[in-house]
N, C-alpha and C. Protein backbone atom coordinates (compact mmCIF):
# COMPACT_ATOMS: atom_id res chain seq x y z
N UNK A 1 75.16 93.44 94.13
CA UNK A 1 75.96 94.57 95.27
C UNK A 1 74.50 95.75 95.24
N UNK A 2 75.46 96.84 96.23
CA UNK A 2 74.26 97.14 97.44
C UNK A 2 74.46 98.68 97.04
N UNK A 3 73.45 99.54 96.18
CA UNK A 3 73.78 100.67 95.59
C UNK A 3 72.76 101.53 96.66
N UNK A 4 73.78 102.38 96.71
CA UNK A 4 73.29 104.07 97.70
C UNK A 4 73.51 104.47 96.91
N UNK A 5 73.30 106.00 96.01
CA UNK A 5 73.79 106.89 94.91
C UNK A 5 74.37 107.87 96.17
N UNK A 6 72.93 108.15 96.90
CA UNK A 6 72.86 109.02 97.82
C UNK A 6 74.63 109.31 99.10
N UNK A 7 74.99 107.87 98.97
CA UNK A 7 75.45 107.53 100.01
C UNK A 7 77.49 107.80 99.13
N UNK A 8 77.77 109.33 99.36
CA UNK A 8 78.73 109.38 98.83
C UNK A 8 80.23 109.78 99.48
N UNK A 9 80.78 109.73 100.90
CA UNK A 9 80.82 110.52 101.51
C UNK A 9 82.21 110.26 101.65
N UNK A 10 82.93 109.39 102.31
CA UNK A 10 84.40 108.60 102.68
C UNK A 10 84.69 107.20 102.71
N UNK A 11 85.31 107.06 102.40
CA UNK A 11 85.93 105.97 102.88
C UNK A 11 87.32 105.85 103.81
N UNK A 12 87.07 104.89 105.00
CA UNK A 12 88.76 104.88 106.21
C UNK A 12 89.02 103.99 105.47
N UNK A 13 89.85 104.79 105.35
CA UNK A 13 91.82 104.01 104.98
C UNK A 13 92.54 103.95 106.35
N UNK A 14 92.78 103.31 106.81
CA UNK A 14 94.11 102.43 106.87
C UNK A 14 94.90 101.03 106.34
N UNK A 15 96.19 102.03 106.48
CA UNK A 15 97.16 101.31 105.61
C UNK A 15 98.18 100.03 106.02
N UNK A 16 97.71 99.09 106.34
CA UNK A 16 98.47 98.15 107.36
C UNK A 16 99.51 97.64 106.19
N UNK A 17 100.04 97.86 105.67
CA UNK A 17 101.30 97.37 103.88
C UNK A 17 102.23 99.01 105.48
N UNK A 18 101.48 100.36 105.61
CA UNK A 18 102.84 100.97 105.77
C UNK A 18 103.40 100.62 107.43
N UNK A 19 102.56 99.77 107.90
CA UNK A 19 102.96 99.42 109.53
C UNK A 19 103.60 98.34 110.02
N UNK A 20 103.27 97.22 108.82
CA UNK A 20 104.42 96.58 108.32
C UNK A 20 105.82 97.03 108.32
N UNK A 21 105.85 98.02 106.87
CA UNK A 21 107.21 98.35 106.82
C UNK A 21 107.58 99.03 108.17
N UNK A 22 107.15 99.59 109.08
CA UNK A 22 107.50 100.57 110.27
C UNK A 22 107.76 99.31 110.54
N UNK A 23 107.05 98.22 110.58
CA UNK A 23 107.63 97.21 111.58
C UNK A 23 109.04 95.91 111.45
N UNK A 24 109.17 96.25 110.43
CA UNK A 24 110.57 95.64 110.30
C UNK A 24 111.42 96.55 109.75
N UNK A 25 111.51 97.54 109.84
CA UNK A 25 112.37 98.93 109.93
C UNK A 25 112.77 98.56 111.18
N UNK A 26 111.34 99.33 112.40
CA UNK A 26 112.29 98.71 113.86
C UNK A 26 113.28 97.24 113.89
N UNK A 27 112.31 96.61 113.76
CA UNK A 27 113.67 95.50 113.69
C UNK A 27 114.35 95.72 113.21
N UNK A 28 115.21 96.02 112.33
CA UNK A 28 116.46 96.14 111.69
C UNK A 28 117.33 96.96 112.58
N UNK A 29 116.82 98.14 113.23
CA UNK A 29 117.24 98.73 114.07
C UNK A 29 117.26 98.24 115.08
N UNK A 30 116.55 97.14 115.72
CA UNK A 30 116.79 97.06 117.16
C UNK A 30 115.46 97.32 118.04
N UNK A 31 114.86 97.99 117.38
CA UNK A 31 113.42 98.62 118.40
C UNK A 31 112.26 97.82 118.27
N UNK A 32 112.03 97.28 117.57
CA UNK A 32 110.75 96.17 117.76
C UNK A 32 110.44 95.60 118.96
N UNK A 33 109.02 95.81 119.58
CA UNK A 33 108.72 95.66 120.67
C UNK A 33 108.15 94.29 120.54
N UNK A 34 109.37 93.25 121.37
CA UNK A 34 108.55 91.86 120.88
C UNK A 34 107.77 91.36 122.53
N UNK A 35 106.63 90.85 122.00
CA UNK A 35 105.09 90.42 122.80
C UNK A 35 104.48 91.68 123.48
N UNK A 36 104.44 92.31 122.29
CA UNK A 36 103.96 93.62 123.10
C UNK A 36 102.76 94.20 121.84
N UNK A 37 101.98 95.19 121.23
CA UNK A 37 101.49 95.32 120.66
C UNK A 37 102.12 97.23 120.44
N UNK A 38 101.77 97.85 118.91
CA UNK A 38 101.56 99.01 119.15
C UNK A 38 100.32 99.47 117.77
N UNK A 39 99.71 100.58 118.70
CA UNK A 39 98.59 100.54 118.00
C UNK A 39 98.71 102.62 117.31
N UNK A 40 98.24 101.95 116.13
CA UNK A 40 98.74 103.69 115.73
C UNK A 40 97.16 104.24 115.25
N UNK A 41 96.83 105.57 114.83
CA UNK A 41 95.73 105.73 114.77
C UNK A 41 95.39 107.14 113.85
N UNK A 42 94.60 108.55 114.72
CA UNK A 42 94.31 109.69 113.96
C UNK A 42 95.86 110.68 113.72
N UNK A 43 96.58 109.66 114.73
CA UNK A 43 97.85 110.72 114.99
C UNK A 43 98.84 111.08 113.64
N UNK A 44 98.52 109.67 112.65
CA UNK A 44 99.32 108.94 111.81
C UNK A 44 98.84 109.58 110.98
N UNK A 45 98.62 109.67 110.10
CA UNK A 45 97.39 110.21 108.72
C UNK A 45 98.04 109.41 107.24
N UNK A 46 99.48 109.38 107.22
CA UNK A 46 100.22 107.54 106.74
C UNK A 46 99.54 106.69 106.77
N UNK A 47 99.00 106.58 107.71
CA UNK A 47 98.44 105.46 108.46
C UNK A 47 96.91 104.72 108.63
N UNK A 48 96.42 106.43 109.01
CA UNK A 48 94.66 105.79 108.88
C UNK A 48 93.82 107.46 109.25
N UNK A 49 93.40 107.76 108.39
CA UNK A 49 92.52 108.58 107.86
C UNK A 49 91.61 108.02 106.71
N UNK A 50 90.53 109.45 106.64
CA UNK A 50 89.18 109.16 105.72
C UNK A 50 89.53 110.27 105.09
N UNK A 51 88.97 109.54 103.54
CA UNK A 51 89.51 110.38 102.01
C UNK A 51 87.73 110.63 101.74
N UNK A 52 87.69 111.72 101.76
CA UNK A 52 86.38 112.27 100.97
C UNK A 52 86.45 112.22 99.75
N UNK A 53 84.55 112.40 99.69
CA UNK A 53 84.82 112.42 98.05
C UNK A 53 84.52 113.16 97.56
N UNK A 54 84.60 114.15 96.79
CA UNK A 54 84.93 115.36 95.94
C UNK A 54 83.28 116.25 96.20
N UNK A 55 81.88 114.83 96.79
CA UNK A 55 80.73 115.89 96.80
C UNK A 55 80.51 116.16 98.59
N UNK A 56 81.44 115.82 98.93
CA UNK A 56 80.89 116.75 100.41
C UNK A 56 81.77 117.57 100.83
N UNK A 57 80.25 119.02 101.37
CA UNK A 57 80.34 120.22 101.20
C UNK A 57 81.54 120.85 102.07
N UNK A 58 81.95 121.50 101.92
CA UNK A 58 83.22 122.06 102.90
C UNK A 58 82.63 122.37 104.65
N UNK A 59 81.77 122.84 104.51
CA UNK A 59 80.88 122.46 106.19
C UNK A 59 81.41 121.27 106.88
N UNK A 60 80.53 120.21 105.74
CA UNK A 60 80.50 118.56 106.74
C UNK A 60 82.17 118.19 106.81
N UNK A 61 83.34 118.73 105.82
CA UNK A 61 84.42 118.81 105.99
C UNK A 61 85.32 119.16 107.48
N UNK A 62 85.07 120.45 107.70
CA UNK A 62 85.23 121.05 108.75
C UNK A 62 84.70 120.53 110.04
N UNK A 63 83.37 120.26 109.97
CA UNK A 63 82.31 119.18 110.98
C UNK A 63 83.58 117.66 111.17
N UNK A 64 84.12 116.87 110.24
CA UNK A 64 84.26 115.84 110.77
C UNK A 64 86.00 116.09 110.92
N UNK A 65 86.40 117.50 110.58
CA UNK A 65 88.08 118.09 111.07
C UNK A 65 88.14 118.08 113.28
N UNK A 66 86.81 118.86 113.27
CA UNK A 66 86.58 119.41 114.53
C UNK A 66 86.77 117.77 114.55
N UNK A 67 85.47 116.73 114.93
CA UNK A 67 85.86 115.47 115.40
C UNK A 67 86.93 114.04 115.63
N UNK A 68 87.50 114.77 114.50
CA UNK A 68 89.00 114.25 114.35
C UNK A 68 89.90 114.97 115.70
N UNK A 69 89.70 115.94 115.53
CA UNK A 69 90.60 116.68 116.22
C UNK A 69 90.20 116.27 117.71
N UNK A 70 88.86 116.69 118.61
CA UNK A 70 88.23 115.76 119.22
C UNK A 70 89.33 114.10 119.45
N UNK A 71 88.72 113.56 118.64
CA UNK A 71 89.15 112.32 119.05
C UNK A 71 90.62 111.89 119.12
N UNK A 72 91.22 112.74 118.61
CA UNK A 72 93.05 112.49 118.63
C UNK A 72 93.88 113.39 119.44
N UNK A 73 92.90 114.04 120.36
CA UNK A 73 93.55 115.00 122.02
C UNK A 73 92.00 114.35 123.02
N UNK A 74 91.56 113.58 122.77
CA UNK A 74 90.89 112.74 124.05
C UNK A 74 89.73 113.48 124.67
N UNK A 75 89.24 114.23 123.64
CA UNK A 75 88.26 115.44 124.29
C UNK A 75 86.73 114.29 123.73
N UNK A 76 87.18 113.93 122.92
CA UNK A 76 85.61 112.44 122.60
C UNK A 76 86.39 111.27 122.68
N UNK A 77 86.30 110.04 123.29
CA UNK A 77 86.45 108.66 124.30
C UNK A 77 85.03 108.17 123.53
N UNK A 78 85.42 107.12 122.09
CA UNK A 78 84.71 106.43 122.25
C UNK A 78 84.48 105.43 122.19
N UNK A 79 83.13 104.98 122.73
CA UNK A 79 83.13 103.11 123.02
C UNK A 79 83.87 102.33 121.82
N UNK A 80 84.26 101.30 123.02
CA UNK A 80 85.15 100.20 122.29
C UNK A 80 84.64 98.62 122.35
N UNK A 81 83.19 98.98 123.37
CA UNK A 81 82.72 97.62 122.86
C UNK A 81 80.93 97.76 122.12
N UNK A 82 81.41 96.39 121.38
CA UNK A 82 79.51 96.61 121.42
C UNK A 82 79.40 95.31 121.89
N UNK A 83 77.53 95.12 122.26
CA UNK A 83 77.35 93.91 122.96
C UNK A 83 75.83 93.73 121.96
N UNK A 84 75.41 95.22 121.29
CA UNK A 84 73.92 94.76 120.30
C UNK A 84 74.23 93.33 119.29
N UNK A 85 72.66 93.25 118.29
CA UNK A 85 73.09 92.39 117.55
C UNK A 85 74.47 92.52 116.26
N UNK A 86 74.26 91.42 115.71
CA UNK A 86 75.33 91.78 115.03
C UNK A 86 73.93 92.27 113.80
N UNK A 87 74.88 92.70 112.40
CA UNK A 87 74.41 93.69 111.34
C UNK A 87 74.14 93.08 110.12
N UNK A 88 73.57 92.79 109.99
CA UNK A 88 72.92 92.07 108.73
C UNK A 88 72.67 92.63 107.59
N UNK A 89 73.31 92.22 106.35
CA UNK A 89 71.91 92.71 104.89
C UNK A 89 71.13 92.62 105.22
N UNK A 90 70.26 90.99 105.44
CA UNK A 90 69.08 90.59 105.28
C UNK A 90 68.18 92.35 106.28
N UNK A 91 68.90 92.74 106.97
CA UNK A 91 68.17 93.53 107.78
C UNK A 91 68.72 95.20 107.34
N UNK A 92 69.26 95.22 106.41
CA UNK A 92 69.48 96.38 106.38
C UNK A 92 69.03 97.38 105.53
N UNK A 93 67.83 97.04 105.01
CA UNK A 93 67.28 97.57 103.68
C UNK A 93 67.82 97.74 101.93
N UNK A 94 68.54 97.08 102.00
CA UNK A 94 69.94 97.44 100.75
C UNK A 94 68.78 97.07 100.14
N UNK A 95 69.26 97.21 98.48
CA UNK A 95 68.66 97.52 97.61
C UNK A 95 69.55 96.44 96.86
N UNK A 96 68.79 95.32 96.32
CA UNK A 96 70.18 94.61 95.40
C UNK A 96 69.79 95.22 94.05
């Protein structure tokens, strides 16, 4: 087990169950686009969101809201490809 008591920031929640419910609903309606994909992101908080811990300060929450809004509205476009080394617990400085 890795313990980092100071790291009590947030959990990223991606609700794949809701996406499945929506796919079934679309199928029943005859609206399911076959042979393609549908992308869900920050624009739908029911599917993708950060859940912040109670210890996260108000200023940090505001900063995260700012960056989330920038992502949502295309003012911030993150890289989607990573060519660096793979992450490993052996190299993370973890405390067992």
